[in-house]
Amino acid sequence: MSLRNVTDPKTRVSVSSTAQGSSKKHLLDPSTNDEEIPWSSNIPTWVHLTFPTPIKASHFAIEFQGGFVGTSAAVWVARSEDAEGGVGLGLMMGGKVYPEDKNKRQVFRIPLPTTGLATESELSSAAERDSDPHRPTIVTEITPAEANSASATELHPDGQGIAKTAVADGTGAGSGVSAGQPATIGTQRARKEREYPYLTELKIEFEKSSDQYGRVIVYSIEVLSDE
């Protein structure tokens, strides 16, 4: 899968706080940071990106300083119904990601909340599910350790859960979830085939840190698309 950076240079970057001696100035373009000055803060803390025009994005990349990694982060997104920035519902939590305590660029799929705003592909998929009540999508929760495993990442990179397709009798082997539970996410194939919504904002809230004093140090954030 090929990902390209779709971050607009005019994107507004807001942060909850900035530690002395650090700066948010180069978060979107670290190549201009000759002195390699990162952004630093103490948890709980957040970075909020507001795009000048709606963009289609599927992933985001973030690079921490090893030892000062936000190891648990809630991801919030705001969606628009079209490229012109039409009706939106404001920031909504999509899910959580669990970065590794490593000094490297890490890429995560943007978890999307269930909202009343849907693309044509999403509406089509929803109609198909509604027409077949005997075949629900079953979701199981996974731990942060499982979320970082190769198998979990392949099935559901955003770390929210593993989607399993139910068999004809409405049960899912080993799922531990009742068949009557409402579907919340689609399968991996459906995610790849559907059209991505337009995003107007992306907010990452760091809840835990690998540093015993709760410090988080970030060198760069990129918003990416695989379209």
C-alpha atoms as a PDB file:
ATOM      1  CA  MET A   1       0.000   0.000   0.000  1.00  0.00           C
ATOM      2  CA  SER A   2       1.382   3.383  -1.023  1.00  0.00           C
ATOM      3  CA  LEU A   3       0.657   6.341   1.262  1.00  0.00           C
ATOM      4  CA  ARG A   4       1.137   9.989   0.374  1.00  0.00           C
ATOM      5  CA  ASN A   5       1.210  13.019   2.609  1.00  0.00           C
ATOM      6  CA  VAL A   6      -1.927  15.147   2.091  1.00  0.00           C
ATOM      7  CA  THR A   7      -1.300  17.620   4.919  1.00  0.00           C
ATOM      8  CA  ASP A   8      -1.975  21.154   3.741  1.00  0.00           C
ATOM      9  CA  PRO A   9       0.865  23.541   4.745  1.00  0.00           C
ATOM     10  CA  LYS A  10      -1.807  25.986   5.913  1.00  0.00           C
ATOM     11  CA  THR A  11      -3.203  23.502   8.448  1.00  0.00           C
ATOM     12  CA  ARG A  12      -3.664  25.148  11.836  1.00  0.00           C
ATOM     13  CA  VAL A  13      -1.894  23.334  14.681  1.00  0.00           C
ATOM     14  CA  SER A  14      -3.211  23.763  18.225  1.00  0.00           C
ATOM     15  CA  VAL A  15      -1.797  22.082  21.320  1.00  0.00           C
ATOM     16  CA  SER A  16      -2.933  21.867  24.915  1.00  0.00           C
ATOM     17  CA  SER A  17       0.407  23.096  26.265  1.00  0.00           C
ATOM     18  CA  THR A  18       4.060  23.399  25.284  1.00  0.00           C
ATOM     19  CA  ALA A  19       6.988  22.614  27.572  1.00  0.00           C
ATOM     20  CA  GLN A  20       9.716  25.216  27.898  1.00  0.00           C
ATOM     21  CA  GLY A  21      12.353  24.895  25.185  1.00  0.00           C
ATOM     22  CA  SER A  22      10.073  23.004  22.789  1.00  0.00           C
ATOM     23  CA  SER A  23       7.909  24.184  19.905  1.00  0.00           C
ATOM     24  CA  LYS A  24       4.955  23.051  17.761  1.00  0.00           C
ATOM     25  CA  LYS A  25       6.229  25.134  14.832  1.00  0.00           C
ATOM     26  CA  HIS A  26       7.811  22.281  12.860  1.00  0.00           C
ATOM     27  CA  LEU A  27       5.393  19.440  13.615  1.00  0.00           C
ATOM     28  CA  LEU A  28       3.974  19.369  10.083  1.00  0.00           C
ATOM     29  CA  ASP A  29       7.256  19.991   8.279  1.00  0.00           C
ATOM     30  CA  PRO A  30      10.247  18.655  10.235  1.00  0.00           C
ATOM     31  CA  SER A  31      12.518  19.188   7.218  1.00  0.00           C
ATOM     32  CA  THR A  32      12.559  22.902   8.093  1.00  0.00           C
ATOM     33  CA  ASN A  33      13.612  22.151  11.662  1.00  0.00           C
ATOM     34  CA  ASP A  34      17.376  22.618  11.396  1.00  0.00           C
ATOM     35  CA  GLU A  35      17.830  22.587  15.157  1.00  0.00           C
ATOM     36  CA  GLU A  36      15.545  19.523  15.523  1.00  0.00           C
ATOM     37  CA  ILE A  37      13.426  21.184  18.190  1.00  0.00           C
ATOM     38  CA  PRO A  38      10.429  18.917  18.924  1.00  0.00           C
ATOM     39  CA  TRP A  39       7.120  19.632  20.613  1.00  0.00           C
ATOM     40  CA  SER A  40       6.888  18.447  24.208  1.00  0.00           C
ATOM     41  CA  SER A  41       4.176  18.399  26.843  1.00  0.00           C
ATOM     42  CA  ASN A  42       2.927  16.423  29.850  1.00  0.00           C
ATOM     43  CA  ILE A  43      -0.039  14.067  29.780  1.00  0.00           C
ATOM     44  CA  PRO A  44      -2.907  14.445  29.495  1.00  0.00           C
ATOM     45  CA  THR A  45      -2.157  16.516  26.413  1.00  0.00           C
ATOM     46  CA  TRP A  46      -3.292  16.839  22.815  1.00  0.00           C
ATOM     47  CA  VAL A  47      -2.480  18.012  19.291  1.00  0.00           C
ATOM     48  CA  HIS A  48      -5.348  19.372  17.200  1.00  0.00           C
ATOM     49  CA  LEU A  49      -5.094  19.825  13.414  1.00  0.00           C
ATOM     50  CA  THR A  50      -7.673  21.982  11.614  1.00  0.00           C
ATOM     51  CA  PHE A  51      -7.522  21.755   7.825  1.00  0.00           C
ATOM     52  CA  PRO A  52      -8.172  24.860   5.680  1.00  0.00           C
ATOM     53  CA  THR A  53     -10.252  22.728   3.293  1.00  0.00           C
ATOM     54  CA  PRO A  54     -11.689  19.210   3.786  1.00  0.00           C
ATOM     55  CA  ILE A  55      -9.291  16.406   2.868  1.00  0.00           C
ATOM     56  CA  LYS A  56      -9.631  12.684   2.252  1.00  0.00           C
ATOM     57  CA  ALA A  57      -7.256  10.849   4.562  1.00  0.00           C
ATOM     58  CA  SER A  58      -6.922   7.223   5.647  1.00  0.00           C
ATOM     59  CA  HIS A  59      -3.885   7.215   7.968  1.00  0.00           C
ATOM     60  CA  PHE A  60      -1.668   9.436  10.074  1.00  0.00           C
ATOM     61  CA  ALA A  61       2.020   9.108  10.912  1.00  0.00           C
ATOM     62  CA  ILE A  62       3.719  10.304  14.054  1.00  0.00           C
ATOM     63  CA  GLU A  63       7.319  10.273  15.241  1.00  0.00           C
ATOM     64  CA  PHE A  64       8.144  10.392  18.949  1.00  0.00           C
ATOM     65  CA  GLN A  65      11.364  10.608  20.907  1.00  0.00           C
ATOM     66  CA  GLY A  66      11.998   7.123  22.274  1.00  0.00           C
ATOM     67  CA  GLY A  67      11.351   6.978  26.013  1.00  0.00           C
ATOM     68  CA  PHE A  68       8.826   9.824  25.766  1.00  0.00           C
ATOM     69  CA  VAL A  69       6.108   8.133  23.699  1.00  0.00           C
ATOM     70  CA  GLY A  70       2.371   8.617  24.076  1.00  0.00           C
ATOM     71  CA  THR A  71       1.611   4.901  24.403  1.00  0.00           C
ATOM     72  CA  SER A  72      -2.169   5.321  24.429  1.00  0.00           C
ATOM     73  CA  ALA A  73      -3.948   7.981  22.408  1.00  0.00           C
ATOM     74  CA  ALA A  74      -7.578   8.736  21.623  1.00  0.00           C
ATOM     75  CA  VAL A  75      -8.212   9.892  18.055  1.00  0.00           C
ATOM     76  CA  TRP A  76     -10.971  12.411  17.341  1.00  0.00           C
ATOM     77  CA  VAL A  77     -12.106  13.449  13.858  1.00  0.00           C
ATOM     78  CA  ALA A  78     -14.540  15.936  12.370  1.00  0.00           C
ATOM     79  CA  ARG A  79     -16.145  15.000   9.063  1.00  0.00           C
ATOM     80  CA  SER A  80     -17.776  17.004   6.294  1.00  0.00           C
ATOM     81  CA  GLU A  81     -20.371  15.799   3.831  1.00  0.00           C
ATOM     82  CA  ASP A  82     -18.434  17.180   0.866  1.00  0.00           C
ATOM     83  CA  ALA A  83     -15.216  18.839  -0.308  1.00  0.00           C
ATOM     84  CA  GLU A  84     -16.750  22.286   0.164  1.00  0.00           C
ATOM     85  CA  GLY A  85     -16.942  21.899   3.939  1.00  0.00           C
ATOM     86  CA  GLY A  86     -20.693  21.322   4.115  1.00  0.00           C
ATOM     87  CA  VAL A  87     -22.697  20.066   7.064  1.00  0.00           C
ATOM     88  CA  GLY A  88     -20.579  18.375   9.742  1.00  0.00           C
ATOM     89  CA  LEU A  89     -21.097  17.074  13.264  1.00  0.00           C
ATOM     90  CA  GLY A  90     -17.960  18.441  14.917  1.00  0.00           C
ATOM     91  CA  LEU A  91     -15.271  16.392  16.626  1.00  0.00           C
ATOM     92  CA  MET A  92     -16.216  12.814  17.468  1.00  0.00           C
ATOM     93  CA  MET A  93     -14.043  10.091  18.948  1.00  0.00           C
ATOM     94  CA  GLY A  94     -13.146   7.424  16.413  1.00  0.00           C
ATOM     95  CA  GLY A  95     -11.063   5.093  18.576  1.00  0.00           C
ATOM     96  CA  LYS A  96      -7.662   4.616  20.164  1.00  0.00           C
ATOM     97  CA  VAL A  97      -4.154   3.778  18.956  1.00  0.00           C
ATOM     98  CA  TYR A  98      -1.239   2.353  20.923  1.00  0.00           C
ATOM     99  CA  PRO A  99       2.167   3.575  19.692  1.00  0.00           C
ATOM    100  CA  GLU A 100       5.285   1.586  20.545  1.00  0.00           C
ATOM    101  CA  ASP A 101       8.001   3.050  22.727  1.00  0.00           C
ATOM    102  CA  LYS A 102      10.405   3.510  19.843  1.00  0.00           C
ATOM    103  CA  ASN A 103      12.211   6.396  18.198  1.00  0.00           C
ATOM    104  CA  LYS A 104      10.748   5.864  14.735  1.00  0.00           C
ATOM    105  CA  ARG A 105       7.964   7.000  12.434  1.00  0.00           C
ATOM    106  CA  GLN A 106       4.791   5.034  13.194  1.00  0.00           C
ATOM    107  CA  VAL A 107       1.745   4.857  10.908  1.00  0.00           C
ATOM    108  CA  PHE A 108      -1.843   4.249  12.036  1.00  0.00           C
ATOM    109  CA  ARG A 109      -5.155   3.981  10.220  1.00  0.00           C
ATOM    110  CA  ILE A 110      -7.476   6.821  11.237  1.00  0.00           C
ATOM    111  CA  PRO A 111     -10.342   5.260  13.221  1.00  0.00           C
ATOM    112  CA  LEU A 112     -13.656   6.736  12.096  1.00  0.00           C
ATOM    113  CA  PRO A 113     -16.721   7.206  14.322  1.00  0.00           C
ATOM    114  CA  THR A 114     -20.154   6.034  13.297  1.00  0.00           C
ATOM    115  CA  THR A 115     -22.065   9.169  12.289  1.00  0.00           C
ATOM    116  CA  GLY A 116     -25.041  10.262  10.259  1.00  0.00           C
ATOM    117  CA  LEU A 117     -22.667  11.387   7.513  1.00  0.00           C
ATOM    118  CA  ALA A 118     -21.911   8.602   5.063  1.00  0.00           C
ATOM    119  CA  THR A 119     -20.355   8.290   1.645  1.00  0.00           C
ATOM    120  CA  GLU A 120     -22.163   6.596  -1.209  1.00  0.00           C
ATOM    121  CA  SER A 121     -20.142   3.415  -0.660  1.00  0.00           C
ATOM    122  CA  GLU A 122     -20.961   3.383   3.054  1.00  0.00           C
ATOM    123  CA  LEU A 123     -24.656   3.824   2.361  1.00  0.00           C
ATOM    124  CA  SER A 124     -24.554   0.938  -0.118  1.00  0.00           C
ATOM    125  CA  SER A 125     -22.788  -1.323   2.385  1.00  0.00           C
ATOM    126  CA  ALA A 126     -25.258  -0.389   5.106  1.00  0.00           C
ATOM    127  CA  ALA A 127     -28.193  -1.193   2.824  1.00  0.00           C
ATOM    128  CA  GLU A 128     -26.761  -4.622   2.099  1.00  0.00           C
ATOM    129  CA  ARG A 129     -26.334  -5.351   5.799  1.00  0.00           C
ATOM    130  CA  ASP A 130     -29.863  -4.198   6.576  1.00  0.00           C
ATOM    131  CA  SER A 131     -31.306  -6.451   3.894  1.00  0.00           C
ATOM    132  CA  ASP A 132     -29.653  -9.527   5.447  1.00  0.00           C
ATOM    133  CA  PRO A 133     -30.436  -9.566   9.191  1.00  0.00           C
ATOM    134  CA  HIS A 134     -29.005 -13.079   9.568  1.00  0.00           C
ATOM    135  CA  ARG A 135     -25.455 -11.975   8.792  1.00  0.00           C
ATOM    136  CA  PRO A 136     -24.289  -9.356  11.284  1.00  0.00           C
ATOM    137  CA  THR A 137     -20.742  -8.117  11.705  1.00  0.00           C
ATOM    138  CA  ILE A 138     -19.307  -9.295  15.011  1.00  0.00           C
ATOM    139  CA  VAL A 139     -16.718  -7.265  16.881  1.00  0.00           C
ATOM    140  CA  THR A 140     -14.374  -8.361  19.646  1.00  0.00           C
ATOM    141  CA  GLU A 141     -12.229  -6.051  21.760  1.00  0.00           C
ATOM    142  CA  ILE A 142      -8.446  -6.514  21.846  1.00  0.00           C
ATOM    143  CA  THR A 143      -5.771  -5.408  24.301  1.00  0.00           C
ATOM    144  CA  PRO A 144      -2.986  -2.900  23.450  1.00  0.00           C
ATOM    145  CA  ALA A 145      -0.530  -5.805  23.210  1.00  0.00           C
ATOM    146  CA  GLU A 146      -2.787  -7.581  20.731  1.00  0.00           C
ATOM    147  CA  ALA A 147      -3.294  -4.347  18.818  1.00  0.00           C
ATOM    148  CA  ASN A 148       0.451  -4.153  18.204  1.00  0.00           C
ATOM    149  CA  SER A 149       0.690  -7.744  16.993  1.00  0.00           C
ATOM    150  CA  ALA A 150       1.133  -8.411  13.281  1.00  0.00           C
ATOM    151  CA  SER A 151      -2.128 -10.323  12.966  1.00  0.00           C
ATOM    152  CA  ALA A 152      -4.225  -7.670  14.683  1.00  0.00           C
ATOM    153  CA  THR A 153      -2.671  -4.880  12.630  1.00  0.00           C
ATOM    154  CA  GLU A 154      -3.428  -6.732   9.435  1.00  0.00           C
ATOM    155  CA  LEU A 155      -7.070  -7.198  10.334  1.00  0.00           C
ATOM    156  CA  HIS A 156      -7.783  -3.888  12.004  1.00  0.00           C
ATOM    157  CA  PRO A 157      -4.857  -1.412  12.135  1.00  0.00           C
ATOM    158  CA  ASP A 158      -6.552   1.208  14.295  1.00  0.00           C
ATOM    159  CA  GLY A 159      -6.519  -1.103  17.320  1.00  0.00           C
ATOM    160  CA  GLN A 160     -10.233  -0.875  18.103  1.00  0.00           C
ATOM    161  CA  GLY A 161     -11.143  -4.491  17.513  1.00  0.00           C
ATOM    162  CA  ILE A 162     -11.058  -7.388  15.101  1.00  0.00           C
ATOM    163  CA  ALA A 163     -13.946  -7.653  12.670  1.00  0.00           C
ATOM    164  CA  LYS A 164     -15.233 -11.163  12.056  1.00  0.00           C
ATOM    165  CA  THR A 165     -17.869 -12.111   9.505  1.00  0.00           C
ATOM    166  CA  ALA A 166     -20.694 -14.172  10.979  1.00  0.00           C
ATOM    167  CA  VAL A 167     -21.770 -17.483   9.487  1.00  0.00           C
ATOM    168  CA  ALA A 168     -25.287 -18.103   8.234  1.00  0.00           C
ATOM    169  CA  ASP A 169     -26.696 -19.046  11.644  1.00  0.00           C
ATOM    170  CA  GLY A 170     -25.652 -15.678  13.080  1.00  0.00           C
ATOM    171  CA  THR A 171     -22.814 -16.886  15.267  1.00  0.00           C
ATOM    172  CA  GLY A 172     -19.093 -16.128  15.178  1.00  0.00           C
ATOM    173  CA  ALA A 173     -16.694 -18.772  16.371  1.00  0.00           C
ATOM    174  CA  GLY A 174     -14.698 -17.586  19.355  1.00  0.00           C
ATOM    175  CA  SER A 175     -16.027 -14.060  19.179  1.00  0.00           C
ATOM    176  CA  GLY A 176     -17.597 -13.903  22.627  1.00  0.00           C
ATOM    177  CA  VAL A 177     -20.161 -11.409  21.288  1.00  0.00           C
ATOM    178  CA  SER A 178     -23.822 -12.140  20.801  1.00  0.00           C
ATOM    179  CA  ALA A 179     -25.140 -12.272  17.271  1.00  0.00           C
ATOM    180  CA  GLY A 180     -27.777  -9.642  17.987  1.00  0.00           C
ATOM    181  CA  GLN A 181     -25.207  -6.960  18.800  1.00  0.00           C
ATOM    182  CA  PRO A 182     -25.352  -4.002  16.346  1.00  0.00           C
ATOM    183  CA  ALA A 183     -22.543  -3.876  13.814  1.00  0.00           C
ATOM    184  CA  THR A 184     -20.066  -1.030  14.403  1.00  0.00           C
ATOM    185  CA  ILE A 185     -17.265  -1.685  11.895  1.00  0.00           C
ATOM    186  CA  GLY A 186     -16.932  -3.475   8.582  1.00  0.00           C
ATOM    187  CA  THR A 187     -14.464  -6.035   7.383  1.00  0.00           C
ATOM    188  CA  GLN A 188     -10.951  -5.265   6.160  1.00  0.00           C
ATOM    189  CA  ARG A 189     -12.084  -5.638   2.560  1.00  0.00           C
ATOM    190  CA  ALA A 190     -14.991  -3.234   3.027  1.00  0.00           C
ATOM    191  CA  ARG A 191     -12.617  -0.646   4.506  1.00  0.00           C
ATOM    192  CA  LYS A 192     -10.334  -0.843   1.494  1.00  0.00           C
ATOM    193  CA  GLU A 193     -13.140  -0.660  -1.027  1.00  0.00           C
ATOM    194  CA  ARG A 194     -15.154   2.158   0.513  1.00  0.00           C
ATOM    195  CA  GLU A 195     -14.692   5.799  -0.263  1.00  0.00           C
ATOM    196  CA  TYR A 196     -13.023   7.787   2.504  1.00  0.00           C
ATOM    197  CA  PRO A 197     -15.010  10.669   4.022  1.00  0.00           C
ATOM    198  CA  TYR A 198     -13.842  14.266   3.983  1.00  0.00           C
ATOM    199  CA  LEU A 199     -12.085  15.299   7.191  1.00  0.00           C
ATOM    200  CA  THR A 200     -11.960  18.844   8.497  1.00  0.00           C
ATOM    201  CA  GLU A 201     -10.188  18.219  11.825  1.00  0.00           C
ATOM    202  CA  LEU A 202      -7.979  15.599  13.472  1.00  0.00           C
ATOM    203  CA  LYS A 203      -7.236  15.626  17.187  1.00  0.00           C
ATOM    204  CA  ILE A 204      -4.909  13.213  19.000  1.00  0.00           C
ATOM    205  CA  GLU A 205      -5.184  13.048  22.786  1.00  0.00           C
ATOM    206  CA  PHE A 206      -2.279  11.381  24.563  1.00  0.00           C
ATOM    207  CA  GLU A 207      -3.479   9.586  27.697  1.00  0.00           C
ATOM    208  CA  LYS A 208      -0.401   7.583  28.756  1.00  0.00           C
ATOM    209  CA  SER A 209       3.344   7.984  28.369  1.00  0.00           C
ATOM    210  CA  SER A 210       6.326   5.638  28.453  1.00  0.00           C
ATOM    211  CA  ASP A 211       8.082   8.299  30.570  1.00  0.00           C
ATOM    212  CA  GLN A 212       7.616   7.896  34.326  1.00  0.00           C
ATOM    213  CA  TYR A 213       6.978  11.641  34.635  1.00  0.00           C
ATOM    214  CA  GLY A 214       4.330  11.649  31.901  1.00  0.00           C
ATOM    215  CA  ARG A 215       6.281  13.611  29.315  1.00  0.00           C
ATOM    216  CA  VAL A 216       5.545  13.245  25.587  1.00  0.00           C
ATOM    217  CA  ILE A 217       7.959  14.425  22.873  1.00  0.00           C
ATOM    218  CA  VAL A 218       6.829  14.554  19.229  1.00  0.00           C
ATOM    219  CA  TYR A 219       8.962  15.460  16.209  1.00  0.00           C
ATOM    220  CA  SER A 220       6.410  15.191  13.405  1.00  0.00           C
ATOM    221  CA  ILE A 221       2.820  14.434  12.454  1.00  0.00           C
ATOM    222  CA  GLU A 222       1.656  13.645   8.912  1.00  0.00           C
ATOM    223  CA  VAL A 223      -1.832  13.094   7.534  1.00  0.00           C
ATOM    224  CA  LEU A 224      -1.777  10.437   4.817  1.00  0.00           C
ATOM    225  CA  SER A 225      -3.995   8.954   2.120  1.00  0.00           C
ATOM    226  CA  ASP A 226      -3.825   5.683   0.199  1.00  0.00           C
ATOM    227  CA  GLU A 227      -6.092   6.925  -2.586  1.00  0.00           C
END
